[in-house]
Amino acid sequence: MITNTETFYIRAKKFQDARKELTDKFERDLKGLERFRGSKGYEEEEKKLREKFETELRSLQDEARASFNAIYSGMIDNIGKRTVKAPTTDQINLLNILKLKKKVTEEELSRVAESVKDNPIAVSLVTEIAHDHGIMRNYDSLCSEMSSETASKVVESLKAWTEDFVQFDTTRASRLAKEYHERNYGATDTPLTKRRLFEGKSDCFSELVGLDDQGLRLFSEVVDGGSDE
């Protein structure tokens, strides 16, 4: 069965490749008109080319957005369906002993967190105990699973950055740089930098939302289903 993250990658690459093909053709056609610049009918032909390109691009974008929205819904559904894995008896006993201590050290907290790191609930309890004792540390990063809250934030980031990806085939950094230059120094002919084309799933999620291989693995375990929290 194909997963949500795999479906997302396939759909993103399909859109990326289709947009590049469409844009390359438009730019070739536009360049082909250059030899007629200044002649009668040049502006009308250029306008027709642009309108055709913009119509076809909008259609691609609308189709992609609809597909991505369905995938996001599937991801959110799987986050909501996660079950909670109960701490083991040994983990509960360890946490209870830690709670009973009048004074807790950072070393003890770290060692207990390391012992229970396979259970997000247990790790969060270690963080609570630490805060109760005035030790402002968070041990969630030790956990071998991504929390539902973090996964939901990744989905929201994915939505925002994918919309930017769908709307523009240029990098956000180059657009911001150009806006800054024009605002402060006037118009510039400097071309915007095209997005780097991704080839694989890992590359796709790294490019669009900044997930490294480990982050993608943890995120996939949550949004593709089948992982306890």
N, C-alpha and C. Protein backbone atom coordinates (compact mmCIF):
# COMPACT_ATOMS: atom_id res chain seq x y z
N MET A 1 0.85 -1.21 0.00
CA MET A 1 0.00 0.00 0.00
C MET A 1 0.89 1.26 0.00
N ILE A 2 0.60 2.16 -0.90
CA ILE A 2 1.40 3.38 -1.00
C ILE A 2 1.10 4.31 0.18
N THR A 3 2.12 4.91 0.76
CA THR A 3 1.96 5.72 1.96
C THR A 3 1.70 7.19 1.61
N ASN A 4 1.32 7.96 2.63
CA ASN A 4 1.07 9.39 2.43
C ASN A 4 2.33 10.13 1.98
N THR A 5 3.46 9.82 2.63
CA THR A 5 4.68 10.54 2.27
C THR A 5 5.15 10.16 0.87
N GLU A 6 4.97 8.90 0.50
CA GLU A 6 5.35 8.46 -0.84
C GLU A 6 4.44 9.11 -1.89
N THR A 7 3.13 9.16 -1.59
CA THR A 7 2.18 9.80 -2.50
C THR A 7 2.51 11.28 -2.67
N PHE A 8 2.87 11.92 -1.54
CA PHE A 8 3.23 13.34 -1.60
C PHE A 8 4.43 13.55 -2.53
N TYR A 9 5.45 12.73 -2.34
CA TYR A 9 6.65 12.87 -3.18
C TYR A 9 6.33 12.66 -4.66
N ILE A 10 5.58 11.61 -4.96
CA ILE A 10 5.24 11.31 -6.35
C ILE A 10 4.47 12.48 -6.98
N ARG A 11 3.52 13.03 -6.20
CA ARG A 11 2.70 14.14 -6.72
C ARG A 11 3.53 15.41 -6.88
N ALA A 12 4.42 15.67 -5.92
CA ALA A 12 5.27 16.87 -5.99
C ALA A 12 6.22 16.80 -7.18
N LYS A 13 6.79 15.62 -7.40
CA LYS A 13 7.72 15.48 -8.53
C LYS A 13 6.98 15.58 -9.87
N LYS A 14 5.79 15.00 -9.92
CA LYS A 14 4.99 15.09 -11.14
C LYS A 14 4.70 16.55 -11.48
N PHE A 15 4.33 17.33 -10.47
CA PHE A 15 4.05 18.75 -10.70
C PHE A 15 5.33 19.48 -11.09
N GLN A 16 6.41 19.23 -10.35
CA GLN A 16 7.68 19.89 -10.63
C GLN A 16 8.11 19.67 -12.08
N ASP A 17 8.06 18.42 -12.52
CA ASP A 17 8.52 18.08 -13.87
C ASP A 17 7.60 18.65 -14.94
N ALA A 18 6.29 18.61 -14.68
CA ALA A 18 5.32 19.15 -15.65
C ALA A 18 5.47 20.66 -15.78
N ARG A 19 5.68 21.33 -14.65
CA ARG A 19 5.85 22.79 -14.68
C ARG A 19 7.13 23.16 -15.44
N LYS A 20 8.19 22.41 -15.20
CA LYS A 20 9.45 22.71 -15.91
C LYS A 20 9.28 22.53 -17.42
N GLU A 21 8.62 21.46 -17.81
CA GLU A 21 8.39 21.22 -19.24
C GLU A 21 7.57 22.35 -19.85
N LEU A 22 6.51 22.76 -19.13
CA LEU A 22 5.65 23.83 -19.62
C LEU A 22 6.41 25.15 -19.69
N THR A 23 7.18 25.46 -18.65
CA THR A 23 7.94 26.71 -18.60
C THR A 23 9.03 26.75 -19.65
N ASP A 24 9.74 25.64 -19.83
CA ASP A 24 10.80 25.58 -20.84
C ASP A 24 10.23 25.83 -22.24
N LYS A 25 9.08 25.23 -22.52
CA LYS A 25 8.45 25.41 -23.84
C LYS A 25 8.04 26.87 -24.04
N PHE A 26 7.45 27.46 -22.99
CA PHE A 26 7.03 28.87 -23.07
C PHE A 26 8.24 29.77 -23.34
N GLU A 27 9.33 29.53 -22.63
CA GLU A 27 10.52 30.37 -22.79
C GLU A 27 11.15 30.18 -24.18
N ARG A 28 11.10 28.96 -24.71
CA ARG A 28 11.60 28.71 -26.06
C ARG A 28 10.74 29.44 -27.10
N ASP A 29 9.43 29.33 -26.92
CA ASP A 29 8.51 29.99 -27.86
C ASP A 29 8.66 31.50 -27.82
N LEU A 30 8.85 32.02 -26.59
CA LEU A 30 9.01 33.47 -26.41
C LEU A 30 10.30 33.94 -27.09
N LYS A 31 11.35 33.15 -26.93
CA LYS A 31 12.64 33.48 -27.54
C LYS A 31 12.52 33.43 -29.07
N GLY A 32 11.72 32.47 -29.57
CA GLY A 32 11.52 32.35 -31.01
C GLY A 32 10.82 33.55 -31.62
N LEU A 33 10.05 34.28 -30.80
CA LEU A 33 9.34 35.46 -31.29
C LEU A 33 10.24 36.69 -31.37
N GLU A 34 11.38 36.63 -30.68
CA GLU A 34 12.24 37.81 -30.56
C GLU A 34 12.64 38.38 -31.92
N ARG A 35 12.83 37.52 -32.90
CA ARG A 35 13.27 38.02 -34.21
C ARG A 35 12.19 38.86 -34.90
N PHE A 36 10.97 38.78 -34.37
CA PHE A 36 9.87 39.57 -34.95
C PHE A 36 9.56 40.82 -34.13
N ARG A 37 10.36 41.04 -33.07
CA ARG A 37 10.10 42.21 -32.22
C ARG A 37 10.12 43.49 -33.06
N GLY A 38 9.11 44.32 -32.82
CA GLY A 38 8.99 45.57 -33.56
C GLY A 38 8.10 45.46 -34.79
N SER A 39 7.83 44.23 -35.20
CA SER A 39 6.98 44.05 -36.39
C SER A 39 5.51 44.08 -36.00
N LYS A 40 4.66 44.22 -36.98
CA LYS A 40 3.23 44.24 -36.75
C LYS A 40 2.77 42.87 -36.23
N GLY A 41 2.02 42.89 -35.17
CA GLY A 41 1.48 41.65 -34.61
C GLY A 41 2.35 40.99 -33.56
N TYR A 42 3.57 41.54 -33.34
CA TYR A 42 4.47 40.92 -32.35
C TYR A 42 3.85 40.92 -30.95
N GLU A 43 3.36 42.08 -30.53
CA GLU A 43 2.82 42.20 -29.18
C GLU A 43 1.60 41.30 -28.98
N GLU A 44 0.78 41.20 -30.02
CA GLU A 44 -0.41 40.35 -29.92
C GLU A 44 -0.02 38.88 -29.79
N GLU A 45 0.99 38.45 -30.55
CA GLU A 45 1.45 37.06 -30.47
C GLU A 45 2.09 36.76 -29.11
N GLU A 46 2.84 37.73 -28.61
CA GLU A 46 3.46 37.56 -27.30
C GLU A 46 2.38 37.44 -26.21
N LYS A 47 1.37 38.28 -26.32
CA LYS A 47 0.27 38.25 -25.35
C LYS A 47 -0.44 36.90 -25.37
N LYS A 48 -0.67 36.36 -26.58
CA LYS A 48 -1.32 35.06 -26.71
C LYS A 48 -0.49 33.95 -26.05
N LEU A 49 0.83 34.01 -26.29
CA LEU A 49 1.72 33.02 -25.68
C LEU A 49 1.64 33.07 -24.17
N ARG A 50 1.70 34.28 -23.61
CA ARG A 50 1.67 34.44 -22.15
C ARG A 50 0.34 33.96 -21.56
N GLU A 51 -0.74 34.33 -22.20
CA GLU A 51 -2.06 33.93 -21.70
C GLU A 51 -2.24 32.42 -21.73
N LYS A 52 -1.76 31.79 -22.80
CA LYS A 52 -1.84 30.33 -22.92
C LYS A 52 -1.00 29.68 -21.82
N PHE A 53 0.20 30.18 -21.63
CA PHE A 53 1.09 29.65 -20.59
C PHE A 53 0.46 29.81 -19.20
N GLU A 54 -0.04 30.99 -18.90
CA GLU A 54 -0.61 31.26 -17.58
C GLU A 54 -1.85 30.40 -17.32
N THR A 55 -2.66 30.18 -18.34
CA THR A 55 -3.85 29.33 -18.20
C THR A 55 -3.46 27.88 -17.90
N GLU A 56 -2.50 27.38 -18.66
CA GLU A 56 -2.06 26.00 -18.46
C GLU A 56 -1.35 25.83 -17.12
N LEU A 57 -0.58 26.85 -16.71
CA LEU A 57 0.11 26.80 -15.41
C LEU A 57 -0.90 26.80 -14.27
N ARG A 58 -1.91 27.65 -14.35
CA ARG A 58 -2.95 27.69 -13.31
C ARG A 58 -3.64 26.35 -13.18
N SER A 59 -3.90 25.72 -14.31
CA SER A 59 -4.55 24.40 -14.29
C SER A 59 -3.67 23.37 -13.57
N LEU A 60 -2.38 23.39 -13.87
CA LEU A 60 -1.43 22.51 -13.18
C LEU A 60 -1.41 22.77 -11.69
N GLN A 61 -1.37 24.05 -11.32
CA GLN A 61 -1.31 24.44 -9.92
C GLN A 61 -2.57 24.03 -9.16
N ASP A 62 -3.73 24.27 -9.77
CA ASP A 62 -4.99 23.91 -9.11
C ASP A 62 -5.09 22.40 -8.89
N GLU A 63 -4.67 21.65 -9.90
CA GLU A 63 -4.71 20.19 -9.80
C GLU A 63 -3.77 19.71 -8.69
N ALA A 64 -2.58 20.31 -8.63
CA ALA A 64 -1.61 19.93 -7.59
C ALA A 64 -2.13 20.26 -6.21
N ARG A 65 -2.69 21.45 -6.03
CA ARG A 65 -3.21 21.87 -4.72
C ARG A 65 -4.29 20.90 -4.23
N ALA A 66 -5.18 20.50 -5.13
CA ALA A 66 -6.25 19.57 -4.76
C ALA A 66 -5.65 18.24 -4.28
N SER A 67 -4.64 17.76 -5.00
CA SER A 67 -3.99 16.50 -4.61
C SER A 67 -3.30 16.63 -3.27
N PHE A 68 -2.57 17.73 -3.08
CA PHE A 68 -1.85 17.93 -1.82
C PHE A 68 -2.81 18.04 -0.64
N ASN A 69 -3.93 18.72 -0.84
CA ASN A 69 -4.90 18.87 0.26
C ASN A 69 -5.45 17.51 0.70
N ALA A 70 -5.67 16.63 -0.25
CA ALA A 70 -6.15 15.27 0.08
C ALA A 70 -5.08 14.52 0.88
N ILE A 71 -3.82 14.70 0.51
CA ILE A 71 -2.72 14.03 1.22
C ILE A 71 -2.58 14.59 2.63
N TYR A 72 -2.68 15.90 2.79
CA TYR A 72 -2.61 16.50 4.13
C TYR A 72 -3.70 15.92 5.03
N SER A 73 -4.90 15.79 4.48
CA SER A 73 -6.02 15.24 5.26
C SER A 73 -5.70 13.83 5.73
N GLY A 74 -5.11 13.04 4.84
CA GLY A 74 -4.71 11.69 5.22
C GLY A 74 -3.67 11.68 6.31
N MET A 75 -2.73 12.61 6.24
CA MET A 75 -1.69 12.71 7.27
C MET A 75 -2.30 13.08 8.62
N ILE A 76 -3.18 14.08 8.62
CA ILE A 76 -3.83 14.52 9.86
C ILE A 76 -4.69 13.41 10.44
N ASP A 77 -5.39 12.67 9.59
CA ASP A 77 -6.20 11.54 10.06
C ASP A 77 -5.34 10.51 10.78
N ASN A 78 -4.19 10.20 10.22
CA ASN A 78 -3.32 9.20 10.84
C ASN A 78 -2.74 9.70 12.16
N ILE A 79 -2.47 11.00 12.24
CA ILE A 79 -2.00 11.56 13.52
C ILE A 79 -3.09 11.38 14.58
N GLY A 80 -4.34 11.64 14.18
CA GLY A 80 -5.45 11.52 15.12
C GLY A 80 -5.76 10.10 15.54
N LYS A 81 -5.34 9.13 14.72
CA LYS A 81 -5.63 7.72 15.01
C LYS A 81 -4.54 7.04 15.84
N ARG A 82 -3.49 7.76 16.16
CA ARG A 82 -2.38 7.12 16.90
C ARG A 82 -2.84 6.64 18.27
N THR A 83 -2.38 5.47 18.63
CA THR A 83 -2.66 4.95 19.96
C THR A 83 -1.51 5.32 20.90
N VAL A 84 -1.78 5.25 22.18
CA VAL A 84 -0.77 5.58 23.19
C VAL A 84 -0.20 4.30 23.78
N LYS A 85 1.10 4.16 23.67
CA LYS A 85 1.77 2.99 24.25
C LYS A 85 2.01 3.23 25.73
N ALA A 86 1.49 2.33 26.58
CA ALA A 86 1.64 2.50 28.02
C ALA A 86 3.08 2.22 28.45
N PRO A 87 3.58 2.98 29.43
CA PRO A 87 4.91 2.68 29.97
C PRO A 87 4.93 1.28 30.58
N THR A 88 6.08 0.64 30.57
CA THR A 88 6.20 -0.68 31.19
C THR A 88 6.18 -0.55 32.70
N THR A 89 5.99 -1.68 33.39
CA THR A 89 6.00 -1.67 34.86
C THR A 89 7.32 -1.13 35.39
N ASP A 90 8.43 -1.55 34.80
CA ASP A 90 9.74 -1.06 35.24
C ASP A 90 9.87 0.44 35.05
N GLN A 91 9.35 0.95 33.94
CA GLN A 91 9.42 2.39 33.70
C GLN A 91 8.56 3.16 34.71
N ILE A 92 7.37 2.64 35.00
CA ILE A 92 6.49 3.29 35.99
C ILE A 92 7.15 3.30 37.36
N ASN A 93 7.74 2.18 37.75
CA ASN A 93 8.42 2.10 39.05
C ASN A 93 9.56 3.10 39.13
N LEU A 94 10.32 3.22 38.04
CA LEU A 94 11.44 4.16 38.00
C LEU A 94 10.96 5.60 38.13
N LEU A 95 9.89 5.92 37.44
CA LEU A 95 9.34 7.27 37.50
C LEU A 95 8.77 7.57 38.89
N ASN A 96 8.12 6.58 39.50
CA ASN A 96 7.57 6.77 40.84
C ASN A 96 8.67 7.02 41.87
N ILE A 97 9.77 6.29 41.74
CA ILE A 97 10.91 6.50 42.65
C ILE A 97 11.46 7.91 42.48
N LEU A 98 11.54 8.35 41.22
CA LEU A 98 12.05 9.69 40.94
C LEU A 98 11.13 10.75 41.54
N LYS A 99 9.82 10.51 41.45
CA LYS A 99 8.85 11.46 42.02
C LYS A 99 8.96 11.56 43.53
N LEU A 100 9.28 10.43 44.17
CA LEU A 100 9.35 10.40 45.64
C LEU A 100 10.58 11.11 46.20
N LYS A 101 11.59 11.29 45.39
CA LYS A 101 12.82 11.93 45.86
C LYS A 101 12.57 13.40 46.18
N LYS A 102 13.10 13.85 47.32
CA LYS A 102 12.94 15.25 47.70
C LYS A 102 13.85 16.15 46.86
N LYS A 103 15.00 15.61 46.49
CA LYS A 103 15.94 16.37 45.68
C LYS A 103 16.38 15.51 44.50
N VAL A 104 16.23 16.05 43.34
CA VAL A 104 16.57 15.31 42.12
C VAL A 104 17.70 16.04 41.40
N THR A 105 18.68 15.31 40.93
CA THR A 105 19.80 15.91 40.21
C THR A 105 19.60 15.78 38.70
N GLU A 106 20.32 16.63 37.96
CA GLU A 106 20.25 16.56 36.49
C GLU A 106 20.77 15.22 35.98
N GLU A 107 21.78 14.69 36.64
CA GLU A 107 22.32 13.40 36.22
C GLU A 107 21.27 12.30 36.35
N GLU A 108 20.54 12.31 37.48
CA GLU A 108 19.49 11.30 37.68
C GLU A 108 18.39 11.43 36.63
N LEU A 109 18.01 12.66 36.35
CA LEU A 109 16.97 12.90 35.34
C LEU A 109 17.42 12.41 33.96
N SER A 110 18.67 12.71 33.62
CA SER A 110 19.19 12.30 32.32
C SER A 110 19.24 10.79 32.19
N ARG A 111 19.65 10.12 33.27
CA ARG A 111 19.76 8.66 33.23
C ARG A 111 18.39 8.01 33.14
N VAL A 112 17.42 8.56 33.88
CA VAL A 112 16.05 8.02 33.82
C VAL A 112 15.46 8.27 32.42
N ALA A 113 15.66 9.47 31.89
CA ALA A 113 15.15 9.80 30.56
C ALA A 113 15.73 8.85 29.52
N GLU A 114 17.01 8.53 29.66
CA GLU A 114 17.66 7.60 28.73
C GLU A 114 17.04 6.21 28.85
N SER A 115 16.65 5.83 30.08
CA SER A 115 16.08 4.50 30.32
C SER A 115 14.66 4.35 29.76
N VAL A 116 13.94 5.47 29.66
CA VAL A 116 12.53 5.40 29.23
C VAL A 116 12.31 6.05 27.86
N LYS A 117 13.39 6.30 27.10
CA LYS A 117 13.28 7.11 25.89
C LYS A 117 12.46 6.46 24.77
N ASP A 118 12.14 5.17 24.92
CA ASP A 118 11.30 4.54 23.89
C ASP A 118 9.83 4.82 24.09
N ASN A 119 9.48 5.57 25.17
CA ASN A 119 8.07 5.88 25.44
C ASN A 119 7.88 7.38 25.62
N PRO A 120 7.18 8.05 24.69
CA PRO A 120 7.01 9.51 24.75
C PRO A 120 6.33 9.99 26.02
N ILE A 121 5.34 9.23 26.52
CA ILE A 121 4.65 9.63 27.76
C ILE A 121 5.63 9.64 28.93
N ALA A 122 6.43 8.59 29.02
CA ALA A 122 7.40 8.48 30.12
C ALA A 122 8.44 9.60 30.04
N VAL A 123 8.89 9.89 28.82
CA VAL A 123 9.89 10.96 28.66
C VAL A 123 9.30 12.31 29.06
N SER A 124 8.04 12.55 28.70
CA SER A 124 7.41 13.82 29.06
C SER A 124 7.25 13.95 30.57
N LEU A 125 7.04 12.81 31.26
CA LEU A 125 6.95 12.84 32.72
C LEU A 125 8.29 13.21 33.35
N VAL A 126 9.38 12.73 32.76
CA VAL A 126 10.71 13.11 33.26
C VAL A 126 10.89 14.62 33.13
N THR A 127 10.44 15.19 32.02
CA THR A 127 10.53 16.64 31.83
C THR A 127 9.71 17.38 32.87
N GLU A 128 8.50 16.88 33.17
CA GLU A 128 7.65 17.50 34.20
C GLU A 128 8.31 17.45 35.57
N ILE A 129 8.89 16.31 35.90
CA ILE A 129 9.57 16.17 37.20
C ILE A 129 10.74 17.15 37.28
N ALA A 130 11.47 17.27 36.17
CA ALA A 130 12.59 18.21 36.14
C ALA A 130 12.11 19.63 36.41
N HIS A 131 11.04 20.04 35.75
CA HIS A 131 10.50 21.39 35.93
C HIS A 131 9.99 21.59 37.36
N ASP A 132 9.38 20.55 37.94
CA ASP A 132 8.90 20.64 39.33
C ASP A 132 10.05 20.91 40.30
N HIS A 133 11.24 20.47 39.92
CA HIS A 133 12.42 20.66 40.78
C HIS A 133 13.27 21.84 40.33
N GLY A 134 12.69 22.69 39.49
CA GLY A 134 13.39 23.90 39.07
C GLY A 134 14.48 23.67 38.05
N ILE A 135 14.50 22.49 37.44
CA ILE A 135 15.49 22.19 36.41
C ILE A 135 14.80 22.32 35.04
N MET A 136 15.10 23.41 34.36
CA MET A 136 14.36 23.73 33.13
C MET A 136 14.99 23.07 31.90
N ARG A 137 14.88 21.76 31.87
CA ARG A 137 15.36 20.99 30.72
C ARG A 137 14.20 20.25 30.08
N ASN A 138 14.35 20.01 28.79
CA ASN A 138 13.33 19.24 28.07
C ASN A 138 14.01 18.01 27.47
N TYR A 139 13.46 16.84 27.79
CA TYR A 139 14.09 15.59 27.37
C TYR A 139 13.41 14.95 26.15
N ASP A 140 12.47 15.68 25.53
CA ASP A 140 11.71 15.11 24.42
C ASP A 140 12.60 14.69 23.25
N SER A 141 13.74 15.39 23.07
CA SER A 141 14.61 15.08 21.93
C SER A 141 15.22 13.69 22.04
N LEU A 142 15.21 13.10 23.25
CA LEU A 142 15.75 11.75 23.43
C LEU A 142 14.80 10.68 22.89
N CYS A 143 13.53 11.04 22.77
CA CYS A 143 12.52 10.06 22.41
C CYS A 143 12.75 9.52 21.01
N SER A 144 12.55 8.23 20.86
CA SER A 144 12.77 7.57 19.57
C SER A 144 11.57 7.72 18.64
N GLU A 145 10.53 8.45 19.07
CA GLU A 145 9.36 8.70 18.23
C GLU A 145 9.09 10.20 18.15
N MET A 146 8.44 10.62 17.09
CA MET A 146 8.01 12.00 16.95
C MET A 146 6.64 12.14 17.60
N SER A 147 6.47 13.19 18.39
CA SER A 147 5.19 13.40 19.05
C SER A 147 4.14 13.83 18.03
N SER A 148 2.87 13.63 18.37
CA SER A 148 1.78 14.04 17.48
C SER A 148 1.79 15.55 17.28
N GLU A 149 2.13 16.28 18.34
CA GLU A 149 2.17 17.75 18.25
C GLU A 149 3.23 18.18 17.24
N THR A 150 4.41 17.58 17.33
CA THR A 150 5.48 17.92 16.39
C THR A 150 5.10 17.54 14.97
N ALA A 151 4.52 16.35 14.80
CA ALA A 151 4.11 15.90 13.47
C ALA A 151 3.07 16.85 12.86
N SER A 152 2.15 17.34 13.70
CA SER A 152 1.14 18.28 13.22
C SER A 152 1.78 19.59 12.77
N LYS A 153 2.81 20.03 13.49
CA LYS A 153 3.52 21.25 13.11
C LYS A 153 4.26 21.06 11.78
N VAL A 154 4.81 19.86 11.59
CA VAL A 154 5.50 19.58 10.33
C VAL A 154 4.51 19.63 9.17
N VAL A 155 3.30 19.08 9.38
CA VAL A 155 2.28 19.11 8.32
C VAL A 155 1.93 20.56 7.99
N GLU A 156 1.78 21.41 9.02
CA GLU A 156 1.45 22.82 8.78
C GLU A 156 2.58 23.51 8.02
N SER A 157 3.83 23.21 8.37
CA SER A 157 4.97 23.78 7.64
C SER A 157 4.99 23.28 6.21
N LEU A 158 4.67 22.01 6.04
CA LEU A 158 4.64 21.41 4.71
C LEU A 158 3.60 22.12 3.84
N LYS A 159 2.44 22.41 4.43
CA LYS A 159 1.39 23.13 3.69
C LYS A 159 1.90 24.49 3.21
N ALA A 160 2.54 25.23 4.11
CA ALA A 160 2.99 26.59 3.79
C ALA A 160 4.09 26.57 2.72
N TRP A 161 5.09 25.72 2.91
CA TRP A 161 6.21 25.69 1.97
C TRP A 161 5.82 25.05 0.64
N THR A 162 4.87 24.13 0.66
CA THR A 162 4.43 23.53 -0.60
C THR A 162 3.63 24.54 -1.42
N GLU A 163 2.87 25.39 -0.74
CA GLU A 163 2.14 26.44 -1.47
C GLU A 163 3.12 27.37 -2.16
N ASP A 164 4.23 27.69 -1.49
CA ASP A 164 5.26 28.52 -2.10
C ASP A 164 5.87 27.78 -3.30
N PHE A 165 6.09 26.49 -3.14
CA PHE A 165 6.62 25.65 -4.21
C PHE A 165 5.68 25.61 -5.42
N VAL A 166 4.39 25.50 -5.16
CA VAL A 166 3.40 25.44 -6.25
C VAL A 166 3.29 26.79 -6.95
N GLN A 167 3.35 27.85 -6.18
CA GLN A 167 3.16 29.18 -6.75
C GLN A 167 4.38 29.69 -7.52
N PHE A 168 5.57 29.33 -7.05
CA PHE A 168 6.79 29.87 -7.66
C PHE A 168 7.78 28.76 -8.02
N ASP A 169 8.41 28.89 -9.19
CA ASP A 169 9.48 27.95 -9.54
C ASP A 169 10.85 28.56 -9.25
N THR A 170 10.84 29.71 -8.54
CA THR A 170 12.08 30.37 -8.13
C THR A 170 12.22 30.29 -6.61
N THR A 171 13.44 30.45 -6.11
CA THR A 171 13.67 30.34 -4.67
C THR A 171 13.13 31.57 -3.94
N ARG A 172 12.68 31.34 -2.74
CA ARG A 172 12.17 32.45 -1.93
C ARG A 172 13.28 33.44 -1.60
N ALA A 173 14.48 32.92 -1.36
CA ALA A 173 15.61 33.79 -1.02
C ALA A 173 15.90 34.78 -2.14
N SER A 174 15.88 34.31 -3.39
CA SER A 174 16.17 35.21 -4.51
C SER A 174 15.05 36.23 -4.70
N ARG A 175 13.81 35.82 -4.42
CA ARG A 175 12.70 36.77 -4.54
C ARG A 175 12.80 37.87 -3.48
N LEU A 176 13.12 37.47 -2.26
CA LEU A 176 13.27 38.44 -1.18
C LEU A 176 14.43 39.40 -1.45
N ALA A 177 15.52 38.85 -1.98
CA ALA A 177 16.68 39.68 -2.29
C ALA A 177 16.34 40.72 -3.35
N LYS A 178 15.58 40.28 -4.36
CA LYS A 178 15.19 41.20 -5.43
C LYS A 178 14.25 42.27 -4.90
N GLU A 179 13.28 41.86 -4.07
CA GLU A 179 12.35 42.84 -3.48
C GLU A 179 13.10 43.87 -2.66
N TYR A 180 14.09 43.40 -1.88
CA TYR A 180 14.89 44.32 -1.05
C TYR A 180 15.65 45.31 -1.93
N HIS A 181 16.26 44.80 -3.00
CA HIS A 181 17.05 45.67 -3.89
C HIS A 181 16.15 46.71 -4.54
N GLU A 182 15.00 46.29 -5.04
CA GLU A 182 14.10 47.22 -5.72
C GLU A 182 13.51 48.25 -4.77
N ARG A 183 13.27 47.82 -3.51
CA ARG A 183 12.72 48.74 -2.52
C ARG A 183 13.73 49.80 -2.11
N ASN A 184 15.01 49.41 -2.07
CA ASN A 184 16.04 50.32 -1.57
C ASN A 184 16.88 50.99 -2.66
N TYR A 185 17.00 50.33 -3.82
CA TYR A 185 17.89 50.87 -4.84
C TYR A 185 17.25 51.01 -6.22
N GLY A 186 16.02 50.53 -6.37
CA GLY A 186 15.36 50.62 -7.66
C GLY A 186 15.36 49.31 -8.41
N ALA A 187 14.73 49.31 -9.57
CA ALA A 187 14.55 48.09 -10.35
C ALA A 187 15.89 47.46 -10.75
N THR A 188 15.87 46.13 -10.86
CA THR A 188 17.07 45.41 -11.27
C THR A 188 16.70 44.34 -12.30
N ASP A 189 17.61 44.08 -13.22
CA ASP A 189 17.38 43.05 -14.24
C ASP A 189 17.93 41.69 -13.82
N THR A 190 18.44 41.61 -12.61
CA THR A 190 19.01 40.35 -12.14
C THR A 190 17.93 39.26 -12.14
N PRO A 191 18.15 38.15 -12.84
CA PRO A 191 17.13 37.09 -12.89
C PRO A 191 17.00 36.37 -11.56
N LEU A 192 15.80 35.90 -11.28
CA LEU A 192 15.58 35.13 -10.06
C LEU A 192 16.19 33.74 -10.21
N THR A 193 16.61 33.17 -9.10
CA THR A 193 17.22 31.84 -9.11
C THR A 193 16.15 30.76 -9.14
N LYS A 194 16.26 29.85 -10.09
CA LYS A 194 15.30 28.75 -10.18
C LYS A 194 15.50 27.78 -9.02
N ARG A 195 14.43 27.15 -8.60
CA ARG A 195 14.52 26.12 -7.56
C ARG A 195 15.38 24.95 -8.04
N ARG A 196 16.07 24.35 -7.10
CA ARG A 196 16.80 23.13 -7.41
C ARG A 196 15.79 22.00 -7.57
N LEU A 197 15.91 21.23 -8.63
CA LEU A 197 14.97 20.13 -8.87
C LEU A 197 15.36 18.93 -8.00
N PHE A 198 14.40 18.39 -7.28
CA PHE A 198 14.68 17.21 -6.46
C PHE A 198 14.42 15.94 -7.26
N GLU A 199 15.11 14.87 -6.87
CA GLU A 199 15.01 13.61 -7.60
C GLU A 199 14.43 12.46 -6.77
N GLY A 200 14.63 12.48 -5.47
CA GLY A 200 14.15 11.39 -4.62
C GLY A 200 13.27 11.89 -3.49
N LYS A 201 12.65 10.97 -2.78
CA LYS A 201 11.74 11.31 -1.69
C LYS A 201 12.45 12.10 -0.60
N SER A 202 13.62 11.61 -0.19
CA SER A 202 14.38 12.30 0.85
C SER A 202 14.74 13.71 0.42
N ASP A 203 15.16 13.84 -0.82
CA ASP A 203 15.53 15.14 -1.38
C ASP A 203 14.32 16.07 -1.42
N CYS A 204 13.16 15.53 -1.74
CA CYS A 204 11.92 16.31 -1.81
C CYS A 204 11.58 16.93 -0.45
N PHE A 205 11.56 16.11 0.59
CA PHE A 205 11.17 16.62 1.91
C PHE A 205 12.25 17.53 2.51
N SER A 206 13.49 17.29 2.13
CA SER A 206 14.57 18.17 2.58
C SER A 206 14.42 19.54 1.93
N GLU A 207 14.13 19.55 0.64
CA GLU A 207 14.00 20.79 -0.12
C GLU A 207 12.77 21.59 0.30
N LEU A 208 11.64 20.92 0.51
CA LEU A 208 10.38 21.64 0.76
C LEU A 208 10.15 22.00 2.22
N VAL A 209 10.57 21.14 3.15
CA VAL A 209 10.24 21.42 4.55
C VAL A 209 11.45 21.29 5.48
N GLY A 210 12.62 20.98 4.93
CA GLY A 210 13.83 20.95 5.74
C GLY A 210 14.02 19.73 6.61
N LEU A 211 13.35 18.62 6.30
CA LEU A 211 13.51 17.40 7.09
C LEU A 211 14.74 16.63 6.62
N ASP A 212 15.61 16.25 7.58
CA ASP A 212 16.71 15.38 7.22
C ASP A 212 16.21 13.93 7.20
N ASP A 213 17.08 12.99 6.90
CA ASP A 213 16.65 11.59 6.76
C ASP A 213 16.02 11.05 8.04
N GLN A 214 16.62 11.40 9.19
CA GLN A 214 16.07 10.94 10.47
C GLN A 214 14.71 11.58 10.74
N GLY A 215 14.60 12.87 10.48
CA GLY A 215 13.33 13.56 10.69
C GLY A 215 12.24 13.01 9.79
N LEU A 216 12.59 12.71 8.54
CA LEU A 216 11.62 12.14 7.61
C LEU A 216 11.17 10.76 8.07
N ARG A 217 12.11 9.97 8.58
CA ARG A 217 11.76 8.63 9.06
C ARG A 217 10.76 8.72 10.22
N LEU A 218 11.03 9.60 11.17
CA LEU A 218 10.14 9.75 12.34
C LEU A 218 8.78 10.32 11.91
N PHE A 219 8.81 11.30 11.02
CA PHE A 219 7.56 11.90 10.53
C PHE A 219 6.74 10.86 9.78
N SER A 220 7.40 10.06 8.95
CA SER A 220 6.71 9.03 8.17
C SER A 220 6.03 8.00 9.07
N GLU A 221 6.71 7.64 10.16
CA GLU A 221 6.14 6.66 11.09
C GLU A 221 4.81 7.14 11.66
N VAL A 222 4.66 8.45 11.78
CA VAL A 222 3.42 9.01 12.35
C VAL A 222 2.35 9.18 11.27
N VAL A 223 2.69 9.88 10.19
CA VAL A 223 1.66 10.26 9.21
C VAL A 223 1.32 9.16 8.21
N ASP A 224 2.19 8.14 8.13
CA ASP A 224 1.87 7.02 7.24
C ASP A 224 1.10 5.93 7.95
N GLY A 225 0.90 6.11 9.28
CA GLY A 225 0.12 5.15 10.07
C GLY A 225 0.97 4.04 10.63
N GLY A 226 0.42 3.38 11.66
CA GLY A 226 1.06 2.20 12.20
C GLY A 226 2.04 2.44 13.32
N SER A 227 2.11 3.67 13.83
CA SER A 227 3.05 3.96 14.92
C SER A 227 2.31 4.44 16.15
N ASP A 228 2.68 3.90 17.30
CA ASP A 228 2.10 4.34 18.56
C ASP A 228 2.80 5.63 19.00
N GLU A 229 2.11 6.38 19.84
CA GLU A 229 2.76 7.54 20.43
C GLU A 229 3.11 7.21 21.86
